[in-house]
Amino acid sequence: MTRLVIAFLFSLVSAGVVAQPYPSKPIRFVVPFPPGNAGDLMARMLAEKMTAAMGQSIIVDNRPGAGGNIGAEHAAKSPADGYTVLIAASGIVTANAFLYKLAYDPLKDLAPITLIYSGAPVLVVSPKVEAKDLRELIDYAKKNPGKRLRPLGVVSAKRNPKMPDVPAIAEVLPGFEVTGWLGAFVPAGAPHEIVVRLNREMVSAIKAPEFLKRLDELMLDPGGDSPEHFAAYVRANYERVGAVIRSANIKAD
């Protein structure tokens, strides 16, 4: 009987040691591109804002190279304990799977946390070019091969509210859409409560006035959705981009 009591008490002590509150040590944001670009700057702003809320320091770990695959693979193969967070641009978790032979599966090995921001580039031409819109540019290009900044269209599905007079390219070429985005992921298998905590604190940081102001200055749209919504968004982008790459037989150089 005594042995059973001792064993029971030992199991309680062991469980208490294992079940430490999260986070109990610094968190790493793995950023698979060099310092200085928009994604890196946003990751650092998020890290700074989330540090107080998480009660632990957040370290930005830049791991560029191989089109983002080096950092993404490192994050995907890290322990699923919530202490490694991948801050990835859209192409890293969509197009790369169809262009490179990866050592991880973006859909199976990464668990989405939230969309951080999205944004679409703008098609522009020099003011010296006679074309005033996309259709005129297409005609001009056909008549003047080998030649070619005035904004003609945004590559998102709808017009950018910051440039309401610039049409979406989809208005001329139906179905055309190229939207870039940045999102946060953890290795698949991370405890649900940790995913929920990271989502809550990250969304709060994204919705902060200074973060929204910075996004607005960069003409980017804020994210801040649920893990489930972001997971559906990632999968839809993955399938759409993959279909385009396969149909056009696009290869990585």
C-alpha atoms as a PDB file:
ATOM      1  CA  MET A   1       0.000   0.000   0.000  1.00  0.00           C
ATOM      2  CA  THR A   2       2.840   2.345   0.916  1.00  0.00           C
ATOM      3  CA  ARG A   3       4.496   1.682  -2.420  1.00  0.00           C
ATOM      4  CA  LEU A   4       1.269   2.584  -4.245  1.00  0.00           C
ATOM      5  CA  VAL A   5       0.982   5.865  -2.347  1.00  0.00           C
ATOM      6  CA  ILE A   6       4.611   6.756  -3.072  1.00  0.00           C
ATOM      7  CA  ALA A   7       4.183   5.887  -6.756  1.00  0.00           C
ATOM      8  CA  PHE A   8       1.017   7.998  -6.926  1.00  0.00           C
ATOM      9  CA  LEU A   9       2.708  10.990  -5.294  1.00  0.00           C
ATOM     10  CA  PHE A  10       5.705  10.617  -7.597  1.00  0.00           C
ATOM     11  CA  SER A  11       3.427  10.636 -10.636  1.00  0.00           C
ATOM     12  CA  LEU A  12       1.789  13.858  -9.415  1.00  0.00           C
ATOM     13  CA  VAL A  13       5.163  15.527  -8.907  1.00  0.00           C
ATOM     14  CA  SER A  14       6.371  14.377 -12.334  1.00  0.00           C
ATOM     15  CA  ALA A  15       3.225  15.663 -14.004  1.00  0.00           C
ATOM     16  CA  GLY A  16       3.656  19.004 -12.272  1.00  0.00           C
ATOM     17  CA  VAL A  17       7.216  19.291 -13.553  1.00  0.00           C
ATOM     18  CA  VAL A  18       6.166  18.479 -17.141  1.00  0.00           C
ATOM     19  CA  ALA A  19       3.067  20.667 -17.202  1.00  0.00           C
ATOM     20  CA  GLN A  20       4.840  24.002 -16.889  1.00  0.00           C
ATOM     21  CA  PRO A  21       2.805  27.057 -17.866  1.00  0.00           C
ATOM     22  CA  TYR A  22       3.316  28.264 -21.442  1.00  0.00           C
ATOM     23  CA  PRO A  23       5.507  30.044 -22.225  1.00  0.00           C
ATOM     24  CA  SER A  24       8.231  29.269 -19.712  1.00  0.00           C
ATOM     25  CA  LYS A  25      11.161  30.234 -21.976  1.00  0.00           C
ATOM     26  CA  PRO A  26      11.834  32.554 -24.967  1.00  0.00           C
ATOM     27  CA  ILE A  27       9.911  32.017 -28.219  1.00  0.00           C
ATOM     28  CA  ARG A  28      11.606  32.090 -31.625  1.00  0.00           C
ATOM     29  CA  PHE A  29      10.095  33.665 -34.735  1.00  0.00           C
ATOM     30  CA  VAL A  30      11.783  31.914 -37.652  1.00  0.00           C
ATOM     31  CA  VAL A  31      11.837  34.376 -40.559  1.00  0.00           C
ATOM     32  CA  PRO A  32      12.967  32.691 -43.814  1.00  0.00           C
ATOM     33  CA  PHE A  33      14.131  35.878 -45.504  1.00  0.00           C
ATOM     34  CA  PRO A  34      16.848  38.487 -44.798  1.00  0.00           C
ATOM     35  CA  PRO A  35      16.433  41.405 -42.398  1.00  0.00           C
ATOM     36  CA  GLY A  36      14.980  44.603 -43.765  1.00  0.00           C
ATOM     37  CA  ASN A  37      12.069  43.610 -45.994  1.00  0.00           C
ATOM     38  CA  ALA A  38       8.400  44.143 -45.103  1.00  0.00           C
ATOM     39  CA  GLY A  39       7.919  40.642 -43.726  1.00  0.00           C
ATOM     40  CA  ASP A  40      10.938  40.918 -41.458  1.00  0.00           C
ATOM     41  CA  LEU A  41       9.884  44.356 -40.212  1.00  0.00           C
ATOM     42  CA  MET A  42       6.372  43.138 -39.430  1.00  0.00           C
ATOM     43  CA  ALA A  43       7.746  40.069 -37.632  1.00  0.00           C
ATOM     44  CA  ARG A  44       9.911  42.319 -35.460  1.00  0.00           C
ATOM     45  CA  MET A  45       6.989  44.630 -34.683  1.00  0.00           C
ATOM     46  CA  LEU A  46       4.868  41.630 -33.702  1.00  0.00           C
ATOM     47  CA  ALA A  47       7.670  40.217 -31.547  1.00  0.00           C
ATOM     48  CA  GLU A  48       8.048  43.524 -29.734  1.00  0.00           C
ATOM     49  CA  LYS A  49       4.317  43.914 -29.091  1.00  0.00           C
ATOM     50  CA  MET A  50       3.756  40.284 -28.077  1.00  0.00           C
ATOM     51  CA  THR A  51       6.686  40.087 -25.636  1.00  0.00           C
ATOM     52  CA  ALA A  52       4.847  41.826 -22.798  1.00  0.00           C
ATOM     53  CA  ALA A  53       1.642  39.843 -23.325  1.00  0.00           C
ATOM     54  CA  MET A  54       3.462  36.489 -23.481  1.00  0.00           C
ATOM     55  CA  GLY A  55       5.676  37.247 -20.503  1.00  0.00           C
ATOM     56  CA  GLN A  56       8.742  36.013 -22.371  1.00  0.00           C
ATOM     57  CA  SER A  57      11.134  37.506 -24.882  1.00  0.00           C
ATOM     58  CA  ILE A  58      10.542  36.709 -28.559  1.00  0.00           C
ATOM     59  CA  ILE A  59      13.644  36.308 -30.698  1.00  0.00           C
ATOM     60  CA  VAL A  60      13.571  36.922 -34.457  1.00  0.00           C
ATOM     61  CA  ASP A  61      15.697  34.240 -36.125  1.00  0.00           C
ATOM     62  CA  ASN A  62      16.408  35.101 -39.781  1.00  0.00           C
ATOM     63  CA  ARG A  63      17.153  31.997 -41.855  1.00  0.00           C
ATOM     64  CA  PRO A  64      17.099  33.044 -45.520  1.00  0.00           C
ATOM     65  CA  GLY A  65      17.989  30.970 -48.546  1.00  0.00           C
ATOM     66  CA  ALA A  66      16.609  28.552 -51.133  1.00  0.00           C
ATOM     67  CA  GLY A  67      13.501  30.608 -51.763  1.00  0.00           C
ATOM     68  CA  GLY A  68      12.570  30.484 -48.079  1.00  0.00           C
ATOM     69  CA  ASN A  69      12.838  26.697 -47.881  1.00  0.00           C
ATOM     70  CA  ILE A  70      15.762  26.634 -45.420  1.00  0.00           C
ATOM     71  CA  GLY A  71      13.918  28.543 -42.714  1.00  0.00           C
ATOM     72  CA  ALA A  72      10.577  26.865 -43.380  1.00  0.00           C
ATOM     73  CA  GLU A  73      12.050  23.367 -43.217  1.00  0.00           C
ATOM     74  CA  HIS A  74      13.884  24.213 -40.003  1.00  0.00           C
ATOM     75  CA  ALA A  75      10.646  25.428 -38.417  1.00  0.00           C
ATOM     76  CA  ALA A  76       8.580  22.496 -39.703  1.00  0.00           C
ATOM     77  CA  LYS A  77      11.031  20.012 -38.168  1.00  0.00           C
ATOM     78  CA  SER A  78      11.321  21.816 -34.819  1.00  0.00           C
ATOM     79  CA  PRO A  79       9.598  20.435 -31.711  1.00  0.00           C
ATOM     80  CA  ALA A  80       5.837  21.061 -31.734  1.00  0.00           C
ATOM     81  CA  ASP A  81       5.903  22.819 -28.381  1.00  0.00           C
ATOM     82  CA  GLY A  82       4.936  26.364 -29.363  1.00  0.00           C
ATOM     83  CA  TYR A  83       8.422  27.802 -28.956  1.00  0.00           C
ATOM     84  CA  THR A  84       9.124  27.923 -32.689  1.00  0.00           C
ATOM     85  CA  VAL A  85       6.861  30.087 -34.857  1.00  0.00           C
ATOM     86  CA  LEU A  86       7.346  30.355 -38.620  1.00  0.00           C
ATOM     87  CA  ILE A  87       6.593  33.747 -40.182  1.00  0.00           C
ATOM     88  CA  ALA A  88       6.173  32.827 -43.835  1.00  0.00           C
ATOM     89  CA  ALA A  89       5.309  34.632 -47.042  1.00  0.00           C
ATOM     90  CA  SER A  90       2.633  33.068 -49.246  1.00  0.00           C
ATOM     91  CA  GLY A  91       4.931  31.532 -51.843  1.00  0.00           C
ATOM     92  CA  ILE A  92       6.883  29.615 -49.235  1.00  0.00           C
ATOM     93  CA  VAL A  93       3.859  27.538 -48.205  1.00  0.00           C
ATOM     94  CA  THR A  94       2.156  27.394 -51.603  1.00  0.00           C
ATOM     95  CA  ALA A  95       4.239  27.728 -54.785  1.00  0.00           C
ATOM     96  CA  ASN A  96       7.414  26.213 -53.354  1.00  0.00           C
ATOM     97  CA  ALA A  97       5.729  22.850 -52.911  1.00  0.00           C
ATOM     98  CA  PHE A  98       5.224  22.687 -56.690  1.00  0.00           C
ATOM     99  CA  LEU A  99       8.563  24.182 -57.691  1.00  0.00           C
ATOM    100  CA  TYR A 100      11.014  22.381 -55.395  1.00  0.00           C
ATOM    101  CA  LYS A 101      11.505  18.951 -53.882  1.00  0.00           C
ATOM    102  CA  LEU A 102      10.783  19.758 -50.250  1.00  0.00           C
ATOM    103  CA  ALA A 103      11.746  17.752 -47.186  1.00  0.00           C
ATOM    104  CA  TYR A 104       8.461  18.739 -45.526  1.00  0.00           C
ATOM    105  CA  ASP A 105       4.800  19.119 -46.486  1.00  0.00           C
ATOM    106  CA  PRO A 106       3.491  22.671 -45.900  1.00  0.00           C
ATOM    107  CA  LEU A 107      -0.081  21.470 -45.360  1.00  0.00           C
ATOM    108  CA  LYS A 108       0.737  18.491 -43.138  1.00  0.00           C
ATOM    109  CA  ASP A 109       3.784  19.670 -41.212  1.00  0.00           C
ATOM    110  CA  LEU A 110       2.731  23.231 -40.381  1.00  0.00           C
ATOM    111  CA  ALA A 111      -0.258  24.352 -38.302  1.00  0.00           C
ATOM    112  CA  PRO A 112      -1.638  27.804 -39.247  1.00  0.00           C
ATOM    113  CA  ILE A 113      -1.949  30.439 -36.518  1.00  0.00           C
ATOM    114  CA  THR A 114      -3.232  33.533 -38.327  1.00  0.00           C
ATOM    115  CA  LEU A 115      -2.907  35.697 -41.408  1.00  0.00           C
ATOM    116  CA  ILE A 116      -0.725  38.714 -40.574  1.00  0.00           C
ATOM    117  CA  TYR A 117      -1.312  40.792 -43.695  1.00  0.00           C
ATOM    118  CA  SER A 118      -2.115  40.522 -47.379  1.00  0.00           C
ATOM    119  CA  GLY A 119      -1.451  42.805 -50.290  1.00  0.00           C
ATOM    120  CA  ALA A 120      -1.346  42.896 -54.062  1.00  0.00           C
ATOM    121  CA  PRO A 121       1.318  44.470 -56.285  1.00  0.00           C
ATOM    122  CA  VAL A 122       0.319  47.124 -58.782  1.00  0.00           C
ATOM    123  CA  LEU A 123       1.017  46.932 -62.506  1.00  0.00           C
ATOM    124  CA  VAL A 124       2.658  50.196 -63.608  1.00  0.00           C
ATOM    125  CA  VAL A 125       4.186  51.699 -66.740  1.00  0.00           C
ATOM    126  CA  SER A 126       6.360  54.715 -67.433  1.00  0.00           C
ATOM    127  CA  PRO A 127       4.404  57.939 -68.081  1.00  0.00           C
ATOM    128  CA  LYS A 128       6.138  57.943 -71.466  1.00  0.00           C
ATOM    129  CA  VAL A 129       4.196  54.844 -72.493  1.00  0.00           C
ATOM    130  CA  GLU A 130       1.067  55.819 -74.395  1.00  0.00           C
ATOM    131  CA  ALA A 131      -1.170  53.160 -72.828  1.00  0.00           C
ATOM    132  CA  LYS A 132      -3.689  54.534 -70.326  1.00  0.00           C
ATOM    133  CA  ASP A 133      -5.088  51.203 -69.120  1.00  0.00           C
ATOM    134  CA  LEU A 134      -4.328  47.488 -69.235  1.00  0.00           C
ATOM    135  CA  ARG A 135      -6.159  46.772 -72.482  1.00  0.00           C
ATOM    136  CA  GLU A 136      -4.283  49.575 -74.244  1.00  0.00           C
ATOM    137  CA  LEU A 137      -1.019  48.250 -72.774  1.00  0.00           C
ATOM    138  CA  ILE A 138      -1.686  44.782 -74.173  1.00  0.00           C
ATOM    139  CA  ASP A 139      -2.376  46.254 -77.627  1.00  0.00           C
ATOM    140  CA  TYR A 140       0.693  48.492 -77.317  1.00  0.00           C
ATOM    141  CA  ALA A 141       2.916  45.560 -76.353  1.00  0.00           C
ATOM    142  CA  LYS A 142       1.710  43.526 -79.297  1.00  0.00           C
ATOM    143  CA  LYS A 143       2.452  46.391 -81.681  1.00  0.00           C
ATOM    144  CA  ASN A 144       5.795  47.258 -80.048  1.00  0.00           C
ATOM    145  CA  PRO A 145       7.542  44.056 -78.991  1.00  0.00           C
ATOM    146  CA  GLY A 146      10.687  44.499 -76.943  1.00  0.00           C
ATOM    147  CA  LYS A 147       9.821  48.031 -75.593  1.00  0.00           C
ATOM    148  CA  ARG A 148       8.146  49.317 -72.209  1.00  0.00           C
ATOM    149  CA  LEU A 149       5.570  54.220 -64.419  1.00  0.00           C
ATOM    150  CA  ARG A 150       1.769  54.761 -64.547  1.00  0.00           C
ATOM    151  CA  PRO A 151      -0.478  52.467 -62.436  1.00  0.00           C
ATOM    152  CA  LEU A 152      -2.732  50.401 -64.691  1.00  0.00           C
ATOM    153  CA  GLY A 153      -4.152  47.766 -62.413  1.00  0.00           C
ATOM    154  CA  VAL A 154      -3.863  45.921 -59.140  1.00  0.00           C
ATOM    155  CA  VAL A 155      -3.416  42.176 -59.261  1.00  0.00           C
ATOM    156  CA  SER A 156      -5.882  41.382 -56.483  1.00  0.00           C
ATOM    157  CA  ALA A 157      -9.418  40.194 -57.253  1.00  0.00           C
ATOM    158  CA  LYS A 158     -10.907  43.593 -56.312  1.00  0.00           C
ATOM    159  CA  ARG A 159      -9.804  47.227 -56.447  1.00  0.00           C
ATOM    160  CA  ASN A 160      -7.544  48.507 -53.684  1.00  0.00           C
ATOM    161  CA  PRO A 161      -9.549  51.012 -51.596  1.00  0.00           C
ATOM    162  CA  LYS A 162      -6.390  53.120 -51.309  1.00  0.00           C
ATOM    163  CA  MET A 163      -6.377  53.491 -55.121  1.00  0.00           C
ATOM    164  CA  PRO A 164     -10.068  53.389 -56.045  1.00  0.00           C
ATOM    165  CA  ASP A 165      -9.465  54.766 -59.541  1.00  0.00           C
ATOM    166  CA  VAL A 166      -7.025  51.982 -60.462  1.00  0.00           C
ATOM    167  CA  PRO A 167      -8.982  48.954 -61.713  1.00  0.00           C
ATOM    168  CA  ALA A 168      -8.320  45.373 -60.736  1.00  0.00           C
ATOM    169  CA  ILE A 169      -6.674  43.447 -63.573  1.00  0.00           C
ATOM    170  CA  ALA A 170      -9.466  40.888 -63.159  1.00  0.00           C
ATOM    171  CA  GLU A 171     -11.837  43.493 -64.600  1.00  0.00           C
ATOM    172  CA  VAL A 172     -10.007  43.090 -67.918  1.00  0.00           C
ATOM    173  CA  LEU A 173      -8.720  39.537 -67.532  1.00  0.00           C
ATOM    174  CA  PRO A 174     -11.414  37.630 -65.567  1.00  0.00           C
ATOM    175  CA  GLY A 175     -10.037  35.289 -62.924  1.00  0.00           C
ATOM    176  CA  PHE A 176      -6.651  37.023 -62.721  1.00  0.00           C
ATOM    177  CA  GLU A 177      -5.454  37.357 -59.133  1.00  0.00           C
ATOM    178  CA  VAL A 178      -2.020  37.418 -57.508  1.00  0.00           C
ATOM    179  CA  THR A 179      -2.195  38.337 -53.834  1.00  0.00           C
ATOM    180  CA  GLY A 180       0.812  38.074 -51.576  1.00  0.00           C
ATOM    181  CA  TRP A 181       0.470  37.566 -47.857  1.00  0.00           C
ATOM    182  CA  LEU A 182       2.344  36.859 -44.642  1.00  0.00           C
ATOM    183  CA  GLY A 183       1.209  34.361 -42.059  1.00  0.00           C
ATOM    184  CA  ALA A 184       2.249  32.623 -38.850  1.00  0.00           C
ATOM    185  CA  PHE A 185       2.578  28.862 -38.352  1.00  0.00           C
ATOM    186  CA  VAL A 186       3.820  26.400 -35.754  1.00  0.00           C
ATOM    187  CA  PRO A 187       4.976  22.818 -36.303  1.00  0.00           C
ATOM    188  CA  ALA A 188       2.005  20.486 -36.691  1.00  0.00           C
ATOM    189  CA  GLY A 189       1.044  18.734 -33.484  1.00  0.00           C
ATOM    190  CA  ALA A 190       1.424  21.747 -31.196  1.00  0.00           C
ATOM    191  CA  PRO A 191      -1.126  21.606 -28.353  1.00  0.00           C
ATOM    192  CA  HIS A 192      -4.444  23.264 -29.178  1.00  0.00           C
ATOM    193  CA  GLU A 193      -4.282  25.556 -26.161  1.00  0.00           C
ATOM    194  CA  ILE A 194      -0.900  26.882 -27.321  1.00  0.00           C
ATOM    195  CA  VAL A 195      -2.225  27.528 -30.828  1.00  0.00           C
ATOM    196  CA  VAL A 196      -5.166  29.410 -29.307  1.00  0.00           C
ATOM    197  CA  ARG A 197      -2.877  31.475 -27.044  1.00  0.00           C
ATOM    198  CA  LEU A 198      -0.534  32.419 -29.898  1.00  0.00           C
ATOM    199  CA  ASN A 199      -3.495  33.320 -32.084  1.00  0.00           C
ATOM    200  CA  ARG A 200      -5.057  35.505 -29.401  1.00  0.00           C
ATOM    201  CA  GLU A 201      -1.890  37.467 -28.661  1.00  0.00           C
ATOM    202  CA  MET A 202      -0.886  37.791 -32.314  1.00  0.00           C
ATOM    203  CA  VAL A 203      -4.325  39.011 -33.403  1.00  0.00           C
ATOM    204  CA  SER A 204      -4.262  41.550 -30.581  1.00  0.00           C
ATOM    205  CA  ALA A 205      -0.871  42.808 -31.779  1.00  0.00           C
ATOM    206  CA  ILE A 206      -2.050  43.001 -35.409  1.00  0.00           C
ATOM    207  CA  LYS A 207      -5.102  45.063 -34.393  1.00  0.00           C
ATOM    208  CA  ALA A 208      -2.998  47.549 -32.404  1.00  0.00           C
ATOM    209  CA  PRO A 209      -3.231  51.107 -33.848  1.00  0.00           C
ATOM    210  CA  GLU A 210       0.499  51.479 -34.500  1.00  0.00           C
ATOM    211  CA  PHE A 211       0.667  48.142 -36.325  1.00  0.00           C
ATOM    212  CA  LEU A 212      -2.373  49.036 -38.450  1.00  0.00           C
ATOM    213  CA  LYS A 213      -0.806  52.421 -39.213  1.00  0.00           C
ATOM    214  CA  ARG A 214       2.385  50.776 -40.436  1.00  0.00           C
ATOM    215  CA  LEU A 215       0.452  48.370 -42.639  1.00  0.00           C
ATOM    216  CA  ASP A 216      -1.520  51.262 -44.090  1.00  0.00           C
ATOM    217  CA  GLU A 217       1.709  53.090 -44.921  1.00  0.00           C
ATOM    218  CA  LEU A 218       2.883  50.008 -46.810  1.00  0.00           C
ATOM    219  CA  MET A 219      -0.521  49.654 -48.536  1.00  0.00           C
ATOM    220  CA  LEU A 220      -1.091  46.265 -46.910  1.00  0.00           C
ATOM    221  CA  ASP A 221      -4.340  44.862 -45.532  1.00  0.00           C
ATOM    222  CA  PRO A 222      -4.324  43.558 -41.929  1.00  0.00           C
ATOM    223  CA  GLY A 223      -5.008  39.930 -41.135  1.00  0.00           C
ATOM    224  CA  GLY A 224      -5.951  38.673 -37.712  1.00  0.00           C
ATOM    225  CA  ASP A 225      -8.253  35.712 -38.317  1.00  0.00           C
ATOM    226  CA  SER A 226      -8.807  32.392 -36.545  1.00  0.00           C
ATOM    227  CA  PRO A 227      -6.514  29.381 -37.066  1.00  0.00           C
ATOM    228  CA  GLU A 228      -9.383  27.544 -38.776  1.00  0.00           C
ATOM    229  CA  HIS A 229     -10.136  30.377 -41.190  1.00  0.00           C
ATOM    230  CA  PHE A 230      -6.467  30.853 -41.997  1.00  0.00           C
ATOM    231  CA  ALA A 231      -6.022  27.109 -42.581  1.00  0.00           C
ATOM    232  CA  ALA A 232      -8.825  27.182 -45.175  1.00  0.00           C
ATOM    233  CA  TYR A 233      -7.282  30.294 -46.745  1.00  0.00           C
ATOM    234  CA  VAL A 234      -3.855  28.618 -47.019  1.00  0.00           C
ATOM    235  CA  ARG A 235      -5.302  25.457 -48.565  1.00  0.00           C
ATOM    236  CA  ALA A 236      -7.333  27.425 -51.120  1.00  0.00           C
ATOM    237  CA  ASN A 237      -4.232  29.410 -52.106  1.00  0.00           C
ATOM    238  CA  TYR A 238      -2.145  26.241 -52.239  1.00  0.00           C
ATOM    239  CA  GLU A 239      -4.564  24.538 -54.617  1.00  0.00           C
ATOM    240  CA  ARG A 240      -5.058  27.620 -56.813  1.00  0.00           C
ATOM    241  CA  VAL A 241      -1.344  28.347 -57.165  1.00  0.00           C
ATOM    242  CA  GLY A 242      -0.574  24.695 -57.756  1.00  0.00           C
ATOM    243  CA  ALA A 243      -3.127  24.491 -60.550  1.00  0.00           C
ATOM    244  CA  VAL A 244      -1.575  27.508 -62.286  1.00  0.00           C
ATOM    245  CA  ILE A 245       1.966  26.135 -61.972  1.00  0.00           C
ATOM    246  CA  ARG A 246       0.974  22.731 -63.289  1.00  0.00           C
ATOM    247  CA  SER A 247      -1.092  24.044 -66.184  1.00  0.00           C
ATOM    248  CA  ALA A 248       1.651  26.443 -67.268  1.00  0.00           C
ATOM    249  CA  ASN A 249       4.368  23.830 -66.655  1.00  0.00           C
ATOM    250  CA  ILE A 250       6.370  26.358 -64.640  1.00  0.00           C
ATOM    251  CA  LYS A 251       9.775  25.132 -63.432  1.00  0.00           C
ATOM    252  CA  ALA A 252      12.195  26.587 -60.897  1.00  0.00           C
ATOM    253  CA  ASP A 253      15.552  27.589 -62.410  1.00  0.00           C
END
